[in-house]
Amino acid sequence: MNTTELTKWNDFKTTLQQHPGLTLQFQYSAEQRVDASYHITEIKQAPIVSVDCGGVMNSWTEIIVQLWEPAVKDSERAMQVHKALSIVDLVEKSLALNPLGIVKIEFGNSEFDTRQMYPGSITVEGENLVVNLSPDFTQCKAIGRGESCGVPKTEKPKIQLFNSSGSGQSCTPDSGCC
């Protein structure tokens, strides 16, 4: 899995720890943020083991932070980063989260189908720490490695050379026909 630009759990958590007094906002599309009344309902650790179309086994871990918007909006202001960190601490008392796990944020509401997204940029905007979410994507790991995608490589057809004298005989090395 190409994980070179994806946010690792330790980096995500460190960023939160650097801004405990800010309000934590999640932006899931242009000008659309998760409602201020959201809850962090669970943090999941998902070890992934797969075999790609090139026959190579891959493994990585995902840390999935699930957000939920209640039907009744019960808050004017989103949760503070320090509250999110207290939830992380509570989770980590029971489950040691892989610091190199890839972070995904799981969210959906009545107008936005539930999906897992990657934290893109994380920016400070006034009193807010805004996590801009990017869509998940698929990739062909075999092609990414420069290999074929489950299709056997075909050999180049062998070209048969013929004598230009019209005798119909094929050329052989050192025959002088070509």
C-alpha atoms as a PDB file:
ATOM      1  CA  MET A   1       0.000   0.000   0.000  1.00  0.00           C
ATOM      2  CA  ASN A   2       1.331   3.407  -0.926  1.00  0.00           C
ATOM      3  CA  THR A   3       1.318   5.092   2.463  1.00  0.00           C
ATOM      4  CA  THR A   4       4.037   7.697   1.977  1.00  0.00           C
ATOM      5  CA  GLU A   5       1.644  10.681   2.141  1.00  0.00           C
ATOM      6  CA  LEU A   6      -0.997   9.329   4.483  1.00  0.00           C
ATOM      7  CA  THR A   7      -1.255  10.489   8.092  1.00  0.00           C
ATOM      8  CA  LYS A   8       0.137   8.103  10.692  1.00  0.00           C
ATOM      9  CA  TRP A   9      -1.562   7.809  14.082  1.00  0.00           C
ATOM     10  CA  ASN A  10       1.426   9.179  16.026  1.00  0.00           C
ATOM     11  CA  ASP A  11       1.536  12.288  13.791  1.00  0.00           C
ATOM     12  CA  PHE A  12      -2.225  12.841  14.076  1.00  0.00           C
ATOM     13  CA  LYS A  13      -2.152  12.497  17.857  1.00  0.00           C
ATOM     14  CA  THR A  14       0.907  14.775  18.157  1.00  0.00           C
ATOM     15  CA  THR A  15      -0.879  17.455  16.132  1.00  0.00           C
ATOM     16  CA  LEU A  16      -3.866  17.237  18.478  1.00  0.00           C
ATOM     17  CA  GLN A  17      -1.571  17.435  21.520  1.00  0.00           C
ATOM     18  CA  GLN A  18      -0.041  20.651  20.171  1.00  0.00           C
ATOM     19  CA  HIS A  19      -3.453  22.390  20.137  1.00  0.00           C
ATOM     20  CA  PRO A  20      -5.458  21.222  23.194  1.00  0.00           C
ATOM     21  CA  GLY A  21      -7.347  24.501  23.642  1.00  0.00           C
ATOM     22  CA  LEU A  22      -8.692  24.738  20.099  1.00  0.00           C
ATOM     23  CA  THR A  23     -12.068  23.563  18.830  1.00  0.00           C
ATOM     24  CA  LEU A  24     -11.801  20.401  16.702  1.00  0.00           C
ATOM     25  CA  GLN A  25     -13.584  20.675  13.351  1.00  0.00           C
ATOM     26  CA  PHE A  26     -13.786  18.163  10.497  1.00  0.00           C
ATOM     27  CA  GLN A  27     -14.408  19.453   6.971  1.00  0.00           C
ATOM     28  CA  TYR A  28     -15.675  16.737   4.616  1.00  0.00           C
ATOM     29  CA  SER A  29     -16.348  18.751   1.446  1.00  0.00           C
ATOM     30  CA  ALA A  30     -16.098  22.329   0.242  1.00  0.00           C
ATOM     31  CA  GLU A  31     -17.660  24.528   2.914  1.00  0.00           C
ATOM     32  CA  GLN A  32     -19.206  21.471   4.646  1.00  0.00           C
ATOM     33  CA  ARG A  33     -18.163  20.624   8.176  1.00  0.00           C
ATOM     34  CA  VAL A  34     -19.364  17.897  10.485  1.00  0.00           C
ATOM     35  CA  ASP A  35     -22.049  19.452  12.696  1.00  0.00           C
ATOM     36  CA  ALA A  36     -20.772  20.932  15.967  1.00  0.00           C
ATOM     37  CA  SER A  37     -22.793  18.393  17.963  1.00  0.00           C
ATOM     38  CA  TYR A  38     -20.726  15.451  16.650  1.00  0.00           C
ATOM     39  CA  HIS A  39     -19.499  12.687  18.929  1.00  0.00           C
ATOM     40  CA  ILE A  40     -16.423  10.500  18.585  1.00  0.00           C
ATOM     41  CA  THR A  41     -18.251   7.197  18.988  1.00  0.00           C
ATOM     42  CA  GLU A  42     -15.328   4.808  18.694  1.00  0.00           C
ATOM     43  CA  ILE A  43     -11.752   4.410  17.608  1.00  0.00           C
ATOM     44  CA  LYS A  44     -11.061   1.192  15.737  1.00  0.00           C
ATOM     45  CA  GLN A  45      -7.758  -0.483  14.978  1.00  0.00           C
ATOM     46  CA  ALA A  46      -7.975  -2.629  11.873  1.00  0.00           C
ATOM     47  CA  PRO A  47      -5.014  -4.798  10.890  1.00  0.00           C
ATOM     48  CA  ILE A  48      -5.255  -5.410   7.134  1.00  0.00           C
ATOM     49  CA  VAL A  49      -3.654  -8.399   5.400  1.00  0.00           C
ATOM     50  CA  SER A  50      -4.240  -8.756   1.678  1.00  0.00           C
ATOM     51  CA  VAL A  51      -2.858 -10.409  -1.422  1.00  0.00           C
ATOM     52  CA  ASP A  52      -2.836  -8.090  -4.409  1.00  0.00           C
ATOM     53  CA  CYS A  53      -3.516  -8.964  -8.033  1.00  0.00           C
ATOM     54  CA  GLY A  54       0.209  -9.536  -8.605  1.00  0.00           C
ATOM     55  CA  GLY A  55       0.237 -12.254  -5.930  1.00  0.00           C
ATOM     56  CA  VAL A  56       2.141 -10.246  -3.300  1.00  0.00           C
ATOM     57  CA  MET A  57       1.000 -10.241   0.331  1.00  0.00           C
ATOM     58  CA  ASN A  58       0.621  -6.790   1.909  1.00  0.00           C
ATOM     59  CA  SER A  59      -0.141  -5.754   5.464  1.00  0.00           C
ATOM     60  CA  TRP A  60      -0.788  -2.490   7.251  1.00  0.00           C
ATOM     61  CA  THR A  61      -2.896  -1.140  10.086  1.00  0.00           C
ATOM     62  CA  GLU A  62      -5.639   1.454   9.941  1.00  0.00           C
ATOM     63  CA  ILE A  63      -6.799   3.542  12.894  1.00  0.00           C
ATOM     64  CA  ILE A  64     -10.385   4.590  12.202  1.00  0.00           C
ATOM     65  CA  VAL A  65     -11.946   7.426  14.181  1.00  0.00           C
ATOM     66  CA  GLN A  66     -15.729   7.251  13.845  1.00  0.00           C
ATOM     67  CA  LEU A  67     -17.765  10.455  14.045  1.00  0.00           C
ATOM     68  CA  TRP A  68     -21.520  10.589  14.582  1.00  0.00           C
ATOM     69  CA  GLU A  69     -23.929  13.482  14.165  1.00  0.00           C
ATOM     70  CA  PRO A  70     -26.975  13.056  16.407  1.00  0.00           C
ATOM     71  CA  ALA A  71     -30.388  13.751  14.865  1.00  0.00           C
ATOM     72  CA  VAL A  72     -31.003  16.404  17.499  1.00  0.00           C
ATOM     73  CA  LYS A  73     -28.311  19.046  17.297  1.00  0.00           C
ATOM     74  CA  ASP A  74     -27.300  19.525  20.915  1.00  0.00           C
ATOM     75  CA  SER A  75     -24.310  21.826  20.694  1.00  0.00           C
ATOM     76  CA  GLU A  76     -23.473  25.194  19.201  1.00  0.00           C
ATOM     77  CA  ARG A  77     -19.743  24.600  19.500  1.00  0.00           C
ATOM     78  CA  ALA A  78     -17.740  21.558  18.425  1.00  0.00           C
ATOM     79  CA  MET A  79     -15.699  19.569  20.922  1.00  0.00           C
ATOM     80  CA  GLN A  80     -12.424  20.922  22.178  1.00  0.00           C
ATOM     81  CA  VAL A  81      -9.249  19.107  21.155  1.00  0.00           C
ATOM     82  CA  HIS A  82      -8.528  18.272  24.814  1.00  0.00           C
ATOM     83  CA  LYS A  83     -11.853  16.387  25.011  1.00  0.00           C
ATOM     84  CA  ALA A  84     -10.954  14.396  21.883  1.00  0.00           C
ATOM     85  CA  LEU A  85      -7.597  13.601  23.499  1.00  0.00           C
ATOM     86  CA  SER A  86      -9.379  12.373  26.643  1.00  0.00           C
ATOM     87  CA  ILE A  87     -11.330   9.936  24.439  1.00  0.00           C
ATOM     88  CA  VAL A  88      -8.056   8.833  22.825  1.00  0.00           C
ATOM     89  CA  ASP A  89      -6.543   8.292  26.293  1.00  0.00           C
ATOM     90  CA  LEU A  90      -9.556   6.241  27.364  1.00  0.00           C
ATOM     91  CA  VAL A  91      -9.263   4.072  24.237  1.00  0.00           C
ATOM     92  CA  GLU A  92      -5.508   3.629  24.644  1.00  0.00           C
ATOM     93  CA  LYS A  93      -5.979   2.348  28.214  1.00  0.00           C
ATOM     94  CA  SER A  94      -7.712  -0.681  26.706  1.00  0.00           C
ATOM     95  CA  LEU A  95      -6.162  -0.870  23.232  1.00  0.00           C
ATOM     96  CA  ALA A  96      -2.580  -0.029  22.303  1.00  0.00           C
ATOM     97  CA  LEU A  97      -2.974   1.820  19.009  1.00  0.00           C
ATOM     98  CA  ASN A  98      -0.269   1.246  16.420  1.00  0.00           C
ATOM     99  CA  PRO A  99       1.637   4.554  16.153  1.00  0.00           C
ATOM    100  CA  LEU A 100       2.340   3.843  12.470  1.00  0.00           C
ATOM    101  CA  GLY A 101      -1.289   3.002  11.691  1.00  0.00           C
ATOM    102  CA  ILE A 102      -2.880   4.946   8.841  1.00  0.00           C
ATOM    103  CA  VAL A 103      -5.565   7.326  10.134  1.00  0.00           C
ATOM    104  CA  LYS A 104      -9.010   7.338   8.587  1.00  0.00           C
ATOM    105  CA  ILE A 105     -12.021   9.335   9.705  1.00  0.00           C
ATOM    106  CA  GLU A 106     -15.368   7.585   9.266  1.00  0.00           C
ATOM    107  CA  PHE A 107     -18.356   9.861   8.857  1.00  0.00           C
ATOM    108  CA  GLY A 108     -21.722  10.192   7.208  1.00  0.00           C
ATOM    109  CA  ASN A 109     -25.058  11.895   7.698  1.00  0.00           C
ATOM    110  CA  SER A 110     -28.433  12.063   5.955  1.00  0.00           C
ATOM    111  CA  GLU A 111     -26.941  14.093   3.095  1.00  0.00           C
ATOM    112  CA  PHE A 112     -23.484  12.497   2.885  1.00  0.00           C
ATOM    113  CA  ASP A 113     -23.104   8.725   2.558  1.00  0.00           C
ATOM    114  CA  THR A 114     -20.983   7.172   5.288  1.00  0.00           C
ATOM    115  CA  ARG A 115     -17.416   6.621   4.168  1.00  0.00           C
ATOM    116  CA  GLN A 116     -13.867   6.547   5.416  1.00  0.00           C
ATOM    117  CA  MET A 117     -11.722   9.535   4.521  1.00  0.00           C
ATOM    118  CA  TYR A 118      -8.119  10.476   5.083  1.00  0.00           C
ATOM    119  CA  PRO A 119      -7.061  13.527   7.057  1.00  0.00           C
ATOM    120  CA  GLY A 120      -5.550  15.819   4.440  1.00  0.00           C
ATOM    121  CA  SER A 121      -4.293  19.125   5.711  1.00  0.00           C
ATOM    122  CA  ILE A 122      -4.792  20.021   9.356  1.00  0.00           C
ATOM    123  CA  THR A 123      -4.866  23.774   9.805  1.00  0.00           C
ATOM    124  CA  VAL A 124      -5.401  26.316  12.547  1.00  0.00           C
ATOM    125  CA  GLU A 125      -8.174  28.745  11.603  1.00  0.00           C
ATOM    126  CA  GLY A 126      -8.672  31.196  14.440  1.00  0.00           C
ATOM    127  CA  GLU A 127      -9.889  29.157  17.439  1.00  0.00           C
ATOM    128  CA  ASN A 128     -10.405  26.030  15.311  1.00  0.00           C
ATOM    129  CA  LEU A 129      -8.186  23.108  14.435  1.00  0.00           C
ATOM    130  CA  VAL A 130      -9.669  22.043  11.097  1.00  0.00           C
ATOM    131  CA  VAL A 131      -9.070  18.541   9.760  1.00  0.00           C
ATOM    132  CA  ASN A 132      -9.731  18.651   6.016  1.00  0.00           C
ATOM    133  CA  LEU A 133     -10.846  15.212   4.896  1.00  0.00           C
ATOM    134  CA  SER A 134      -9.878  13.646   1.561  1.00  0.00           C
ATOM    135  CA  PRO A 135     -11.697  10.744  -0.098  1.00  0.00           C
ATOM    136  CA  ASP A 136     -10.318   7.234   0.183  1.00  0.00           C
ATOM    137  CA  PHE A 137      -8.942   5.791  -3.054  1.00  0.00           C
ATOM    138  CA  THR A 138      -8.122   2.493  -4.679  1.00  0.00           C
ATOM    139  CA  GLN A 139      -4.824   1.554  -6.226  1.00  0.00           C
ATOM    140  CA  CYS A 140      -3.182  -1.311  -8.072  1.00  0.00           C
ATOM    141  CA  LYS A 141      -0.175  -2.224  -5.960  1.00  0.00           C
ATOM    142  CA  ALA A 142       1.282  -4.492  -8.671  1.00  0.00           C
ATOM    143  CA  ILE A 143       1.322  -1.718 -11.262  1.00  0.00           C
ATOM    144  CA  GLY A 144       2.686   0.626  -8.593  1.00  0.00           C
ATOM    145  CA  ARG A 145       5.637  -1.764  -8.225  1.00  0.00           C
ATOM    146  CA  GLY A 146       6.164  -1.814 -12.002  1.00  0.00           C
ATOM    147  CA  GLU A 147       4.728  -5.312 -12.350  1.00  0.00           C
ATOM    148  CA  SER A 148       1.738  -6.625 -14.245  1.00  0.00           C
ATOM    149  CA  CYS A 149      -1.756  -6.638 -12.828  1.00  0.00           C
ATOM    150  CA  GLY A 150      -2.509 -10.363 -12.548  1.00  0.00           C
ATOM    151  CA  VAL A 151      -2.119 -10.891 -16.285  1.00  0.00           C
ATOM    152  CA  PRO A 152       0.794 -13.040 -17.406  1.00  0.00           C
ATOM    153  CA  LYS A 153       3.329 -11.104 -19.397  1.00  0.00           C
ATOM    154  CA  THR A 154       3.186 -12.095 -23.043  1.00  0.00           C
ATOM    155  CA  GLU A 155       6.343 -12.844 -24.926  1.00  0.00           C
ATOM    156  CA  LYS A 156       7.090 -10.754 -27.946  1.00  0.00           C
ATOM    157  CA  PRO A 157       6.332 -12.698 -31.117  1.00  0.00           C
ATOM    158  CA  LYS A 158       9.412 -14.011 -32.883  1.00  0.00           C
ATOM    159  CA  ILE A 159       9.866 -12.527 -36.294  1.00  0.00           C
ATOM    160  CA  GLN A 160      10.849 -14.901 -39.031  1.00  0.00           C
ATOM    161  CA  LEU A 161      13.101 -13.375 -41.666  1.00  0.00           C
ATOM    162  CA  PHE A 162      12.998 -14.519 -45.267  1.00  0.00           C
ATOM    163  CA  ASN A 163      15.648 -14.365 -47.951  1.00  0.00           C
ATOM    164  CA  SER A 164      14.941 -11.436 -50.231  1.00  0.00           C
ATOM    165  CA  SER A 165      16.044 -13.468 -53.235  1.00  0.00           C
ATOM    166  CA  GLY A 166      12.575 -15.003 -53.243  1.00  0.00           C
ATOM    167  CA  SER A 167      13.747 -18.540 -52.606  1.00  0.00           C
ATOM    168  CA  GLY A 168      11.302 -18.754 -49.671  1.00  0.00           C
ATOM    169  CA  GLN A 169      14.027 -19.975 -47.361  1.00  0.00           C
ATOM    170  CA  SER A 170      14.300 -18.338 -44.012  1.00  0.00           C
ATOM    171  CA  CYS A 171      17.465 -16.634 -42.929  1.00  0.00           C
ATOM    172  CA  THR A 172      19.759 -18.253 -40.455  1.00  0.00           C
ATOM    173  CA  PRO A 173      22.640 -16.689 -38.591  1.00  0.00           C
ATOM    174  CA  ASP A 174      25.741 -16.311 -40.757  1.00  0.00           C
ATOM    175  CA  SER A 175      23.818 -17.142 -43.972  1.00  0.00           C
ATOM    176  CA  GLY A 176      24.386 -13.689 -45.400  1.00  0.00           C
ATOM    177  CA  CYS A 177      20.730 -13.191 -46.301  1.00  0.00           C
ATOM    178  CA  CYS A 178      20.212 -10.143 -44.121  1.00  0.00           C
END
